[in-house]
N, C-alpha and C. Protein backbone atom coordinates (compact mmCIF):
# COMPACT_ATOMS: atom_id res chain seq x y z
N MET A 1 7.31 6.45 -13.75
CA MET A 1 6.38 7.21 -12.91
C MET A 1 6.56 6.80 -11.45
N PRO A 2 6.77 7.74 -10.55
CA PRO A 2 6.89 7.39 -9.13
C PRO A 2 5.53 7.03 -8.55
N TYR A 3 5.54 6.12 -7.57
CA TYR A 3 4.31 5.70 -6.91
C TYR A 3 4.34 6.13 -5.45
N TYR A 4 3.17 6.40 -4.91
CA TYR A 4 3.05 6.76 -3.50
C TYR A 4 2.89 5.48 -2.68
N PRO A 5 3.85 5.13 -1.83
CA PRO A 5 3.78 3.87 -1.09
C PRO A 5 2.72 3.94 -0.01
N ILE A 6 1.96 2.86 0.13
CA ILE A 6 0.86 2.84 1.10
C ILE A 6 0.56 1.39 1.48
N ASN A 7 0.20 1.18 2.74
CA ASN A 7 -0.27 -0.13 3.19
C ASN A 7 -1.78 -0.04 3.37
N LEU A 8 -2.53 -0.83 2.62
CA LEU A 8 -3.99 -0.77 2.64
C LEU A 8 -4.59 -1.67 3.71
N ASN A 9 -5.61 -1.18 4.38
CA ASN A 9 -6.38 -2.00 5.31
C ASN A 9 -7.47 -2.73 4.52
N CYS A 10 -7.29 -4.02 4.33
CA CYS A 10 -8.25 -4.82 3.55
C CYS A 10 -9.14 -5.67 4.45
N GLU A 11 -9.06 -5.47 5.74
CA GLU A 11 -9.84 -6.28 6.67
C GLU A 11 -11.32 -6.25 6.34
N ASN A 12 -11.87 -7.43 6.04
CA ASN A 12 -13.30 -7.61 5.74
C ASN A 12 -13.75 -6.83 4.51
N ARG A 13 -12.82 -6.37 3.67
CA ARG A 13 -13.18 -5.69 2.43
C ARG A 13 -13.33 -6.73 1.31
N LEU A 14 -14.25 -6.47 0.39
CA LEU A 14 -14.48 -7.39 -0.72
C LEU A 14 -13.49 -7.10 -1.84
N CYS A 15 -12.70 -8.12 -2.19
CA CYS A 15 -11.67 -7.97 -3.22
C CYS A 15 -11.83 -9.05 -4.28
N LEU A 16 -11.52 -8.69 -5.51
CA LEU A 16 -11.69 -9.59 -6.64
C LEU A 16 -10.35 -9.95 -7.26
N VAL A 17 -10.18 -11.23 -7.56
CA VAL A 17 -9.03 -11.70 -8.33
C VAL A 17 -9.56 -12.31 -9.62
N VAL A 18 -9.09 -11.79 -10.75
CA VAL A 18 -9.49 -12.31 -12.05
C VAL A 18 -8.37 -13.18 -12.58
N GLY A 19 -8.63 -14.47 -12.68
CA GLY A 19 -7.61 -15.43 -13.08
C GLY A 19 -7.56 -16.57 -12.07
N GLY A 20 -7.07 -17.73 -12.51
CA GLY A 20 -7.09 -18.88 -11.62
C GLY A 20 -5.80 -19.68 -11.59
N GLY A 21 -4.70 -19.09 -12.10
CA GLY A 21 -3.43 -19.79 -12.13
C GLY A 21 -2.56 -19.53 -10.91
N GLU A 22 -1.25 -19.78 -11.08
CA GLU A 22 -0.32 -19.64 -9.96
C GLU A 22 -0.17 -18.18 -9.53
N VAL A 23 -0.16 -17.27 -10.49
CA VAL A 23 -0.05 -15.85 -10.14
C VAL A 23 -1.28 -15.41 -9.35
N ALA A 24 -2.45 -15.81 -9.82
CA ALA A 24 -3.69 -15.49 -9.11
C ALA A 24 -3.67 -16.09 -7.70
N GLU A 25 -3.14 -17.29 -7.60
CA GLU A 25 -3.05 -17.97 -6.30
C GLU A 25 -2.25 -17.14 -5.30
N ARG A 26 -1.11 -16.61 -5.74
CA ARG A 26 -0.29 -15.78 -4.85
C ARG A 26 -1.05 -14.54 -4.42
N LYS A 27 -1.77 -13.94 -5.33
CA LYS A 27 -2.54 -12.74 -5.00
C LYS A 27 -3.66 -13.06 -4.01
N VAL A 28 -4.32 -14.19 -4.21
CA VAL A 28 -5.38 -14.61 -3.30
C VAL A 28 -4.83 -14.82 -1.89
N ARG A 29 -3.72 -15.50 -1.80
CA ARG A 29 -3.14 -15.77 -0.48
C ARG A 29 -2.74 -14.47 0.23
N GLY A 30 -2.22 -13.52 -0.53
CA GLY A 30 -1.86 -12.24 0.06
C GLY A 30 -3.08 -11.50 0.59
N LEU A 31 -4.16 -11.53 -0.15
CA LEU A 31 -5.40 -10.87 0.30
C LEU A 31 -5.98 -11.56 1.53
N LEU A 32 -5.97 -12.89 1.52
CA LEU A 32 -6.51 -13.62 2.68
C LEU A 32 -5.69 -13.34 3.93
N SER A 33 -4.38 -13.24 3.79
CA SER A 33 -3.55 -12.95 4.96
C SER A 33 -3.81 -11.56 5.51
N ALA A 34 -4.35 -10.67 4.66
CA ALA A 34 -4.69 -9.31 5.09
C ALA A 34 -6.13 -9.22 5.59
N GLY A 35 -6.82 -10.36 5.66
CA GLY A 35 -8.17 -10.37 6.21
C GLY A 35 -9.27 -10.00 5.23
N ALA A 36 -8.95 -9.99 3.93
CA ALA A 36 -9.95 -9.60 2.93
C ALA A 36 -10.94 -10.73 2.67
N ARG A 37 -12.11 -10.36 2.18
CA ARG A 37 -13.08 -11.32 1.63
C ARG A 37 -12.79 -11.41 0.14
N VAL A 38 -12.46 -12.60 -0.33
CA VAL A 38 -11.93 -12.75 -1.68
C VAL A 38 -12.88 -13.51 -2.58
N LYS A 39 -13.09 -12.93 -3.76
CA LYS A 39 -13.86 -13.58 -4.82
C LYS A 39 -12.94 -13.78 -6.01
N VAL A 40 -13.02 -14.97 -6.63
CA VAL A 40 -12.21 -15.29 -7.80
C VAL A 40 -13.13 -15.54 -8.98
N VAL A 41 -12.80 -14.93 -10.11
CA VAL A 41 -13.53 -15.16 -11.36
C VAL A 41 -12.56 -15.78 -12.36
N SER A 42 -12.82 -17.01 -12.74
CA SER A 42 -11.96 -17.70 -13.69
C SER A 42 -12.63 -19.01 -14.13
N PRO A 43 -12.51 -19.36 -15.42
CA PRO A 43 -13.08 -20.63 -15.88
C PRO A 43 -12.40 -21.84 -15.23
N GLU A 44 -11.10 -21.71 -14.92
CA GLU A 44 -10.35 -22.80 -14.32
C GLU A 44 -9.58 -22.30 -13.11
N LEU A 45 -9.34 -23.21 -12.15
CA LEU A 45 -8.62 -22.86 -10.94
C LEU A 45 -7.44 -23.80 -10.73
N SER A 46 -6.38 -23.29 -10.14
CA SER A 46 -5.26 -24.14 -9.75
C SER A 46 -5.71 -25.07 -8.63
N PRO A 47 -5.01 -26.19 -8.42
CA PRO A 47 -5.39 -27.10 -7.33
C PRO A 47 -5.47 -26.40 -5.97
N ALA A 48 -4.56 -25.47 -5.72
CA ALA A 48 -4.58 -24.77 -4.43
C ALA A 48 -5.82 -23.90 -4.29
N LEU A 49 -6.20 -23.21 -5.37
CA LEU A 49 -7.40 -22.39 -5.32
C LEU A 49 -8.65 -23.25 -5.18
N GLU A 50 -8.65 -24.42 -5.83
CA GLU A 50 -9.76 -25.35 -5.66
C GLU A 50 -9.90 -25.73 -4.18
N GLY A 51 -8.77 -25.95 -3.53
CA GLY A 51 -8.79 -26.29 -2.11
C GLY A 51 -9.34 -25.16 -1.26
N LEU A 52 -8.94 -23.93 -1.55
CA LEU A 52 -9.44 -22.78 -0.80
C LEU A 52 -10.95 -22.62 -1.00
N ALA A 53 -11.41 -22.91 -2.22
CA ALA A 53 -12.84 -22.82 -2.49
C ALA A 53 -13.60 -23.90 -1.72
N ARG A 54 -13.07 -25.12 -1.71
CA ARG A 54 -13.72 -26.20 -0.97
C ARG A 54 -13.81 -25.89 0.52
N ASP A 55 -12.78 -25.24 1.04
CA ASP A 55 -12.74 -24.91 2.47
C ASP A 55 -13.57 -23.68 2.81
N GLY A 56 -14.17 -23.06 1.79
CA GLY A 56 -15.00 -21.89 2.02
C GLY A 56 -14.23 -20.62 2.31
N LYS A 57 -12.94 -20.60 1.98
CA LYS A 57 -12.13 -19.42 2.25
C LYS A 57 -12.25 -18.37 1.17
N ILE A 58 -12.69 -18.79 -0.02
CA ILE A 58 -12.93 -17.86 -1.12
C ILE A 58 -14.24 -18.24 -1.81
N THR A 59 -14.84 -17.25 -2.47
CA THR A 59 -15.98 -17.55 -3.33
C THR A 59 -15.51 -17.53 -4.77
N VAL A 60 -16.15 -18.32 -5.61
CA VAL A 60 -15.67 -18.50 -6.97
C VAL A 60 -16.82 -18.41 -7.98
N GLU A 61 -16.54 -17.72 -9.08
CA GLU A 61 -17.41 -17.74 -10.26
C GLU A 61 -16.59 -18.41 -11.36
N ARG A 62 -16.99 -19.63 -11.77
CA ARG A 62 -16.20 -20.41 -12.73
C ARG A 62 -16.60 -20.03 -14.16
N ARG A 63 -16.14 -18.89 -14.58
CA ARG A 63 -16.46 -18.35 -15.90
C ARG A 63 -15.47 -17.23 -16.21
N PRO A 64 -15.43 -16.76 -17.45
CA PRO A 64 -14.59 -15.60 -17.78
C PRO A 64 -15.15 -14.32 -17.15
N TYR A 65 -14.27 -13.34 -17.03
CA TYR A 65 -14.70 -12.01 -16.56
C TYR A 65 -15.76 -11.44 -17.47
N ARG A 66 -16.74 -10.74 -16.89
CA ARG A 66 -17.71 -9.99 -17.67
C ARG A 66 -17.97 -8.66 -16.98
N ARG A 67 -18.36 -7.69 -17.77
CA ARG A 67 -18.60 -6.35 -17.23
C ARG A 67 -19.64 -6.43 -16.11
N GLY A 68 -19.37 -5.72 -15.04
CA GLY A 68 -20.22 -5.76 -13.86
C GLY A 68 -19.58 -6.49 -12.70
N ASP A 69 -18.52 -7.28 -12.97
CA ASP A 69 -17.85 -8.03 -11.91
C ASP A 69 -17.16 -7.13 -10.89
N LEU A 70 -16.84 -5.90 -11.29
CA LEU A 70 -16.10 -5.01 -10.39
C LEU A 70 -17.02 -4.23 -9.44
N GLN A 71 -18.31 -4.33 -9.65
CA GLN A 71 -19.26 -3.61 -8.79
C GLN A 71 -19.11 -4.04 -7.33
N GLY A 72 -18.96 -3.06 -6.44
CA GLY A 72 -18.88 -3.33 -5.01
C GLY A 72 -17.51 -3.78 -4.53
N MET A 73 -16.51 -3.82 -5.42
CA MET A 73 -15.18 -4.28 -5.04
C MET A 73 -14.32 -3.13 -4.51
N PHE A 74 -13.58 -3.41 -3.48
CA PHE A 74 -12.63 -2.45 -2.93
C PHE A 74 -11.33 -2.48 -3.72
N LEU A 75 -10.92 -3.69 -4.10
CA LEU A 75 -9.64 -3.90 -4.76
C LEU A 75 -9.82 -4.98 -5.82
N VAL A 76 -9.17 -4.80 -6.97
CA VAL A 76 -9.24 -5.79 -8.05
C VAL A 76 -7.82 -6.12 -8.50
N LEU A 77 -7.48 -7.40 -8.45
CA LEU A 77 -6.18 -7.87 -8.90
C LEU A 77 -6.40 -8.81 -10.08
N ALA A 78 -5.79 -8.50 -11.20
CA ALA A 78 -5.98 -9.31 -12.41
C ALA A 78 -4.71 -10.06 -12.76
N ALA A 79 -4.85 -11.35 -13.01
CA ALA A 79 -3.72 -12.18 -13.43
C ALA A 79 -4.13 -12.91 -14.70
N THR A 80 -4.22 -12.17 -15.79
CA THR A 80 -4.65 -12.71 -17.07
C THR A 80 -3.85 -12.07 -18.19
N ASP A 81 -3.59 -12.84 -19.23
CA ASP A 81 -2.87 -12.28 -20.39
C ASP A 81 -3.78 -12.08 -21.58
N ASP A 82 -5.09 -12.07 -21.33
CA ASP A 82 -6.07 -11.86 -22.39
C ASP A 82 -6.25 -10.36 -22.61
N PRO A 83 -5.85 -9.84 -23.78
CA PRO A 83 -5.95 -8.38 -24.04
C PRO A 83 -7.38 -7.87 -23.92
N GLY A 84 -8.35 -8.66 -24.34
CA GLY A 84 -9.74 -8.23 -24.26
C GLY A 84 -10.20 -8.07 -22.82
N VAL A 85 -9.81 -9.01 -21.97
CA VAL A 85 -10.16 -8.92 -20.55
C VAL A 85 -9.48 -7.71 -19.92
N THR A 86 -8.22 -7.51 -20.28
CA THR A 86 -7.47 -6.37 -19.73
C THR A 86 -8.16 -5.05 -20.09
N ARG A 87 -8.54 -4.90 -21.34
CA ARG A 87 -9.22 -3.67 -21.76
C ARG A 87 -10.54 -3.49 -21.00
N GLY A 88 -11.28 -4.57 -20.88
CA GLY A 88 -12.56 -4.49 -20.17
C GLY A 88 -12.40 -4.10 -18.72
N LEU A 89 -11.40 -4.65 -18.06
CA LEU A 89 -11.14 -4.33 -16.66
C LEU A 89 -10.77 -2.87 -16.48
N VAL A 90 -9.90 -2.37 -17.35
CA VAL A 90 -9.47 -0.98 -17.26
C VAL A 90 -10.66 -0.04 -17.48
N GLU A 91 -11.47 -0.31 -18.50
CA GLU A 91 -12.62 0.55 -18.79
C GLU A 91 -13.62 0.55 -17.63
N GLU A 92 -13.87 -0.63 -17.07
CA GLU A 92 -14.84 -0.69 -15.98
C GLU A 92 -14.30 -0.04 -14.72
N ALA A 93 -13.03 -0.30 -14.41
CA ALA A 93 -12.45 0.25 -13.19
C ALA A 93 -12.41 1.77 -13.20
N ARG A 94 -12.20 2.36 -14.37
CA ARG A 94 -12.12 3.82 -14.45
C ARG A 94 -13.45 4.49 -14.07
N ALA A 95 -14.53 3.75 -14.20
CA ALA A 95 -15.85 4.33 -13.90
C ALA A 95 -16.33 3.99 -12.49
N LEU A 96 -15.48 3.31 -11.72
CA LEU A 96 -15.90 2.86 -10.39
C LEU A 96 -14.89 3.29 -9.32
N PRO A 97 -15.33 3.37 -8.07
CA PRO A 97 -14.41 3.69 -6.97
C PRO A 97 -13.69 2.45 -6.45
N CYS A 98 -12.92 1.81 -7.33
CA CYS A 98 -12.13 0.66 -6.90
C CYS A 98 -10.73 0.80 -7.46
N LEU A 99 -9.79 0.09 -6.87
CA LEU A 99 -8.39 0.14 -7.30
C LEU A 99 -8.07 -1.11 -8.09
N LEU A 100 -7.38 -0.94 -9.22
CA LEU A 100 -7.10 -2.04 -10.13
C LEU A 100 -5.59 -2.26 -10.28
N ASN A 101 -5.19 -3.54 -10.19
CA ASN A 101 -3.81 -3.92 -10.48
C ASN A 101 -3.82 -4.98 -11.57
N LEU A 102 -3.08 -4.72 -12.63
CA LEU A 102 -2.91 -5.68 -13.72
C LEU A 102 -1.49 -6.22 -13.64
N ALA A 103 -1.36 -7.53 -13.49
CA ALA A 103 -0.07 -8.13 -13.18
C ALA A 103 1.06 -7.68 -14.10
N ASP A 104 0.82 -7.64 -15.40
CA ASP A 104 1.89 -7.34 -16.36
C ASP A 104 1.77 -5.98 -17.04
N PHE A 105 0.88 -5.13 -16.52
CA PHE A 105 0.66 -3.83 -17.16
C PHE A 105 0.63 -2.72 -16.10
N PRO A 106 1.78 -2.40 -15.50
CA PRO A 106 1.81 -1.39 -14.45
C PRO A 106 1.34 -0.02 -14.91
N ASP A 107 1.56 0.29 -16.19
CA ASP A 107 1.18 1.61 -16.70
C ASP A 107 -0.33 1.79 -16.77
N GLN A 108 -1.09 0.69 -16.76
CA GLN A 108 -2.54 0.77 -16.79
C GLN A 108 -3.16 0.47 -15.42
N SER A 109 -2.32 0.25 -14.42
CA SER A 109 -2.79 -0.09 -13.08
C SER A 109 -2.88 1.13 -12.20
N ASP A 110 -3.77 1.06 -11.20
CA ASP A 110 -3.85 2.13 -10.20
C ASP A 110 -2.73 2.00 -9.17
N PHE A 111 -2.20 0.81 -9.02
CA PHE A 111 -1.12 0.57 -8.06
C PHE A 111 -0.33 -0.65 -8.51
N ILE A 112 0.88 -0.78 -7.99
CA ILE A 112 1.70 -1.95 -8.27
C ILE A 112 2.03 -2.61 -6.95
N LEU A 113 2.39 -3.88 -7.01
CA LEU A 113 2.69 -4.64 -5.80
C LEU A 113 4.20 -4.81 -5.67
N PRO A 114 4.77 -4.49 -4.50
CA PRO A 114 6.20 -4.67 -4.31
C PRO A 114 6.55 -6.13 -4.09
N ALA A 115 7.81 -6.46 -4.25
CA ALA A 115 8.30 -7.77 -3.84
C ALA A 115 8.44 -7.73 -2.32
N LEU A 116 7.72 -8.59 -1.63
CA LEU A 116 7.63 -8.50 -0.17
C LEU A 116 8.58 -9.47 0.52
N LEU A 117 9.22 -8.98 1.56
CA LEU A 117 9.97 -9.81 2.50
C LEU A 117 9.24 -9.70 3.82
N GLU A 118 8.71 -10.81 4.31
CA GLU A 118 7.85 -10.77 5.49
C GLU A 118 8.46 -11.57 6.63
N ARG A 119 8.42 -10.96 7.80
CA ARG A 119 8.84 -11.61 9.04
C ARG A 119 7.78 -11.31 10.09
N GLY A 120 6.74 -12.13 10.14
CA GLY A 120 5.64 -11.85 11.04
C GLY A 120 4.94 -10.57 10.65
N ASP A 121 4.81 -9.64 11.60
CA ASP A 121 4.16 -8.36 11.32
C ASP A 121 5.06 -7.38 10.59
N LEU A 122 6.32 -7.73 10.44
CA LEU A 122 7.26 -6.86 9.71
C LEU A 122 7.21 -7.20 8.22
N SER A 123 6.89 -6.20 7.41
CA SER A 123 6.88 -6.37 5.96
C SER A 123 7.78 -5.32 5.33
N ILE A 124 8.67 -5.77 4.46
CA ILE A 124 9.57 -4.87 3.75
C ILE A 124 9.31 -5.03 2.26
N GLY A 125 8.94 -3.93 1.61
CA GLY A 125 8.61 -3.98 0.20
C GLY A 125 9.73 -3.44 -0.67
N PHE A 126 10.00 -4.12 -1.78
CA PHE A 126 11.01 -3.69 -2.73
C PHE A 126 10.31 -3.37 -4.05
N SER A 127 10.54 -2.17 -4.55
CA SER A 127 9.86 -1.76 -5.78
C SER A 127 10.78 -0.95 -6.66
N THR A 128 10.60 -1.09 -7.96
CA THR A 128 11.32 -0.29 -8.94
C THR A 128 10.35 0.58 -9.73
N SER A 129 9.18 0.88 -9.12
CA SER A 129 8.12 1.64 -9.77
C SER A 129 7.70 1.01 -11.10
N GLY A 130 7.76 -0.31 -11.15
CA GLY A 130 7.32 -1.03 -12.33
C GLY A 130 8.37 -1.15 -13.42
N ARG A 131 9.55 -0.54 -13.25
CA ARG A 131 10.56 -0.55 -14.31
C ARG A 131 11.20 -1.92 -14.47
N CYS A 132 11.48 -2.58 -13.35
CA CYS A 132 12.15 -3.89 -13.43
C CYS A 132 11.80 -4.73 -12.21
N PRO A 133 10.63 -5.37 -12.22
CA PRO A 133 10.21 -6.19 -11.07
C PRO A 133 11.22 -7.28 -10.70
N ALA A 134 11.94 -7.81 -11.70
CA ALA A 134 12.91 -8.86 -11.41
C ALA A 134 14.01 -8.36 -10.48
N LEU A 135 14.39 -7.09 -10.61
CA LEU A 135 15.41 -6.52 -9.72
C LEU A 135 14.87 -6.44 -8.30
N ALA A 136 13.63 -6.02 -8.15
CA ALA A 136 13.03 -5.95 -6.81
C ALA A 136 13.00 -7.34 -6.17
N GLN A 137 12.66 -8.36 -6.95
CA GLN A 137 12.63 -9.72 -6.42
C GLN A 137 14.03 -10.20 -6.05
N TRP A 138 15.01 -9.85 -6.87
CA TRP A 138 16.40 -10.24 -6.60
C TRP A 138 16.89 -9.61 -5.30
N LEU A 139 16.58 -8.33 -5.11
CA LEU A 139 17.00 -7.65 -3.88
C LEU A 139 16.33 -8.27 -2.66
N ARG A 140 15.04 -8.59 -2.79
CA ARG A 140 14.35 -9.25 -1.68
C ARG A 140 15.04 -10.56 -1.32
N ASP A 141 15.32 -11.38 -2.31
CA ASP A 141 15.92 -12.68 -2.05
C ASP A 141 17.34 -12.53 -1.50
N ARG A 142 18.05 -11.52 -1.96
CA ARG A 142 19.43 -11.29 -1.50
C ARG A 142 19.47 -10.91 -0.02
N LEU A 143 18.48 -10.11 0.41
CA LEU A 143 18.47 -9.63 1.79
C LEU A 143 17.71 -10.56 2.74
N ALA A 144 17.03 -11.56 2.20
CA ALA A 144 16.25 -12.46 3.05
C ALA A 144 17.12 -13.16 4.09
N GLY A 145 18.34 -13.50 3.70
CA GLY A 145 19.23 -14.18 4.65
C GLY A 145 19.75 -13.27 5.74
N GLU A 146 19.81 -11.96 5.45
CA GLU A 146 20.33 -11.01 6.44
C GLU A 146 19.24 -10.56 7.42
N ILE A 147 18.01 -10.59 6.97
CA ILE A 147 16.88 -10.19 7.83
C ILE A 147 16.14 -11.47 8.21
N GLY A 148 16.64 -12.11 9.26
CA GLY A 148 16.16 -13.43 9.63
C GLY A 148 14.91 -13.42 10.49
N GLU A 149 14.57 -14.59 11.01
CA GLU A 149 13.34 -14.75 11.79
C GLU A 149 13.39 -13.98 13.11
N GLU A 150 14.60 -13.61 13.56
CA GLU A 150 14.69 -12.85 14.81
C GLU A 150 13.99 -11.49 14.70
N TYR A 151 13.82 -11.01 13.47
CA TYR A 151 13.14 -9.73 13.29
C TYR A 151 11.65 -9.84 13.59
N GLU A 152 11.08 -11.02 13.45
CA GLU A 152 9.68 -11.22 13.82
C GLU A 152 9.52 -11.04 15.33
N LYS A 153 10.43 -11.64 16.11
CA LYS A 153 10.39 -11.49 17.56
C LYS A 153 10.67 -10.05 17.96
N LEU A 154 11.60 -9.42 17.27
CA LEU A 154 11.93 -8.02 17.56
C LEU A 154 10.71 -7.13 17.38
N THR A 155 9.95 -7.36 16.32
CA THR A 155 8.76 -6.56 16.05
C THR A 155 7.72 -6.74 17.16
N VAL A 156 7.52 -7.97 17.60
CA VAL A 156 6.56 -8.24 18.67
C VAL A 156 6.98 -7.56 19.97
N LEU A 157 8.25 -7.68 20.31
CA LEU A 157 8.75 -7.09 21.56
C LEU A 157 8.60 -5.57 21.55
N LEU A 158 8.97 -4.93 20.46
CA LEU A 158 8.88 -3.48 20.39
C LEU A 158 7.43 -3.01 20.36
N GLY A 159 6.56 -3.80 19.72
CA GLY A 159 5.14 -3.47 19.73
C GLY A 159 4.57 -3.53 21.14
N ASP A 160 4.96 -4.56 21.89
CA ASP A 160 4.49 -4.69 23.27
C ASP A 160 5.05 -3.57 24.15
N PHE A 161 6.32 -3.20 23.90
CA PHE A 161 6.94 -2.11 24.67
C PHE A 161 6.25 -0.79 24.37
N ARG A 162 5.93 -0.57 23.12
CA ARG A 162 5.19 0.64 22.74
C ARG A 162 3.85 0.70 23.46
N ASP A 163 3.11 -0.42 23.46
CA ASP A 163 1.81 -0.45 24.14
C ASP A 163 1.98 -0.18 25.64
N ARG A 164 3.03 -0.73 26.20
CA ARG A 164 3.32 -0.55 27.63
C ARG A 164 3.54 0.92 27.97
N LEU A 165 4.27 1.60 27.12
CA LEU A 165 4.52 3.03 27.36
C LEU A 165 3.26 3.86 27.12
N LEU A 166 2.47 3.48 26.13
CA LEU A 166 1.23 4.21 25.86
C LEU A 166 0.27 4.15 27.05
N THR A 167 0.18 2.97 27.66
CA THR A 167 -0.74 2.82 28.80
C THR A 167 -0.29 3.66 29.99
N LYS A 168 0.97 4.04 30.02
CA LYS A 168 1.48 4.88 31.11
C LYS A 168 1.47 6.36 30.73
N GLY A 169 0.87 6.68 29.61
CA GLY A 169 0.72 8.08 29.22
C GLY A 169 1.93 8.70 28.58
N VAL A 170 2.88 7.90 28.15
CA VAL A 170 4.06 8.44 27.48
C VAL A 170 3.66 8.92 26.09
N SER A 171 4.14 10.08 25.70
CA SER A 171 3.75 10.68 24.43
C SER A 171 4.39 9.94 23.26
N PRO A 172 3.75 9.97 22.08
CA PRO A 172 4.32 9.30 20.90
C PRO A 172 5.74 9.74 20.54
N PRO A 173 6.09 11.05 20.59
CA PRO A 173 7.48 11.42 20.27
C PRO A 173 8.48 10.77 21.22
N THR A 174 8.12 10.72 22.52
CA THR A 174 9.02 10.10 23.49
C THR A 174 9.11 8.61 23.26
N ILE A 175 8.00 7.99 22.91
CA ILE A 175 8.01 6.55 22.63
C ILE A 175 8.93 6.25 21.46
N ARG A 176 8.87 7.07 20.42
CA ARG A 176 9.75 6.85 19.28
C ARG A 176 11.21 6.93 19.68
N ARG A 177 11.55 7.87 20.55
CA ARG A 177 12.93 7.97 21.03
C ARG A 177 13.31 6.77 21.88
N CYS A 178 12.38 6.28 22.69
CA CYS A 178 12.64 5.11 23.53
C CYS A 178 12.93 3.88 22.67
N ILE A 179 12.15 3.71 21.63
CA ILE A 179 12.34 2.56 20.75
C ILE A 179 13.67 2.66 20.01
N ARG A 180 13.98 3.86 19.55
CA ARG A 180 15.28 4.05 18.88
C ARG A 180 16.43 3.78 19.85
N GLU A 181 16.26 4.20 21.10
CA GLU A 181 17.29 3.96 22.11
C GLU A 181 17.50 2.46 22.32
N ALA A 182 16.40 1.71 22.36
CA ALA A 182 16.51 0.26 22.54
C ALA A 182 17.23 -0.38 21.35
N LEU A 183 16.90 0.05 20.16
CA LEU A 183 17.55 -0.51 18.97
C LEU A 183 19.03 -0.15 18.93
N ASP A 184 19.35 1.09 19.28
CA ASP A 184 20.75 1.52 19.28
C ASP A 184 21.55 0.82 20.37
N ALA A 185 20.85 0.31 21.40
CA ALA A 185 21.52 -0.40 22.49
C ALA A 185 21.64 -1.90 22.20
N ASP A 186 21.56 -2.26 20.94
CA ASP A 186 21.75 -3.65 20.50
C ASP A 186 20.67 -4.59 21.01
N LEU A 187 19.42 -4.12 21.01
CA LEU A 187 18.31 -5.00 21.36
C LEU A 187 18.28 -6.23 20.46
N LEU A 188 18.60 -6.05 19.18
CA LEU A 188 18.56 -7.17 18.24
C LEU A 188 19.50 -8.30 18.67
N LYS A 189 20.67 -7.95 19.22
CA LYS A 189 21.60 -8.98 19.68
C LYS A 189 21.01 -9.75 20.86
N LEU A 190 20.32 -9.05 21.75
CA LEU A 190 19.67 -9.72 22.88
C LEU A 190 18.57 -10.66 22.39
N VAL A 191 17.84 -10.22 21.38
CA VAL A 191 16.78 -11.05 20.82
C VAL A 191 17.37 -12.29 20.16
N SER A 192 18.43 -12.11 19.40
CA SER A 192 19.08 -13.24 18.73
C SER A 192 19.63 -14.24 19.73
N ALA A 193 20.10 -13.74 20.87
CA ALA A 193 20.64 -14.60 21.92
C ALA A 193 19.55 -15.15 22.84
N ARG A 194 18.31 -14.73 22.61
CA ARG A 194 17.17 -15.15 23.45
C ARG A 194 17.40 -14.83 24.92
N ASP A 195 17.99 -13.67 25.14
CA ASP A 195 18.30 -13.21 26.50
C ASP A 195 17.11 -12.43 27.05
N GLU A 196 16.11 -13.14 27.56
CA GLU A 196 14.89 -12.50 28.06
C GLU A 196 15.18 -11.57 29.23
N THR A 197 16.10 -11.96 30.09
CA THR A 197 16.45 -11.12 31.24
C THR A 197 17.09 -9.82 30.78
N GLY A 198 18.01 -9.93 29.83
CA GLY A 198 18.67 -8.74 29.31
C GLY A 198 17.71 -7.82 28.59
N ILE A 199 16.74 -8.39 27.88
CA ILE A 199 15.75 -7.59 27.17
C ILE A 199 14.91 -6.79 28.15
N GLU A 200 14.42 -7.46 29.19
CA GLU A 200 13.57 -6.77 30.16
C GLU A 200 14.36 -5.72 30.93
N LYS A 201 15.62 -6.01 31.23
CA LYS A 201 16.47 -5.03 31.92
C LYS A 201 16.65 -3.78 31.06
N LEU A 202 16.87 -3.98 29.76
CA LEU A 202 17.03 -2.85 28.84
C LEU A 202 15.76 -2.01 28.79
N PHE A 203 14.61 -2.67 28.62
CA PHE A 203 13.35 -1.96 28.56
C PHE A 203 13.06 -1.20 29.86
N ALA A 204 13.31 -1.85 30.99
CA ALA A 204 13.03 -1.23 32.28
C ALA A 204 13.90 0.01 32.49
N GLY A 205 15.15 -0.06 32.06
CA GLY A 205 16.04 1.08 32.21
C GLY A 205 15.60 2.25 31.35
N ILE A 206 15.20 1.97 30.13
CA ILE A 206 14.72 3.03 29.25
C ILE A 206 13.44 3.64 29.79
N GLU A 207 12.55 2.79 30.28
CA GLU A 207 11.28 3.27 30.83
C GLU A 207 11.51 4.18 32.02
N ALA A 208 12.47 3.82 32.86
CA ALA A 208 12.77 4.64 34.04
C ALA A 208 13.31 6.00 33.65
N ARG A 209 14.01 6.06 32.53
CA ARG A 209 14.63 7.32 32.10
C ARG A 209 13.66 8.22 31.33
N THR A 210 12.44 7.74 31.08
CA THR A 210 11.49 8.58 30.35
C THR A 210 10.98 9.74 31.19
N ALA A 211 11.10 9.64 32.53
CA ALA A 211 10.63 10.71 33.39
C ALA A 211 11.36 12.01 33.05
N GLY A 212 10.60 13.05 32.87
CA GLY A 212 11.18 14.35 32.60
C GLY A 212 11.40 14.65 31.12
N ARG A 213 11.21 13.62 30.28
CA ARG A 213 11.38 13.90 28.85
C ARG A 213 10.11 13.57 28.07
N ASN A 214 9.04 13.30 28.75
CA ASN A 214 7.76 13.02 28.09
C ASN A 214 7.13 14.34 27.66
N GLU A 215 7.00 14.52 26.33
CA GLU A 215 6.53 15.82 25.82
C GLU A 215 5.48 15.64 24.76
C-alpha cells in the first residue's frame, strides 16, 4: 500500500509512547526533538527513559496500557509485542481523532516512520511503504557518508538567503529559481571549502540579477 508522505508539526502537541524499551526510547527522542509533549505508559523503563523522566522531559505512567490512555493524544507510537495491547490500541484509536503507529504492524498503523538521515534542519526519509524496513535503513546508512555535515550548513545558508529575499519582496517562484541557481553554481563546494567570501559573492550576484524577473 502506498503512503502519503508528510512532515507533522508536533510542537507542543501531546503524544503518547506505549512501551519502555530501546525502541520506545528512540521514538521518545524523536518526538522530543520535534517539540512534542511526551507521555510514556509502561511498567518498566530503559535507563535513558528513566533519566528523561527524572529531568522532567517526559511524563510517565508506570503501568500497562489501558483503554482511555489515547484520549486527548495527537499521536500514539507503540513499541510493544503484546498482541492484546496491540488489539486494544487499534480498537481505541479507530474511535478517536488520533494517529497510531505500531512498530511491527504497518498494516494496522495509520502511518509508518521512515529511516531518517538528519543533518540539522535537513531530514531525508527512506521508506519502502512497510515492505522492507531493513532496506530503508541500509540505504540511509549507505548514503550517510555521501551526505555529510556540510549539508547542515548548506541548509542554514539557503534558509537565510530565502529569508533575505522574502524581506525584499521577491516572489516565491523567483526565490526558488534563485536557490536552484546557487546550487547549480556549486554552492556546496564553497560551503565545503568554508569560503565565506565566495558564498556571499555568489548570493549577492544572484540577488542583483533578480531585478526584472520577480513575478
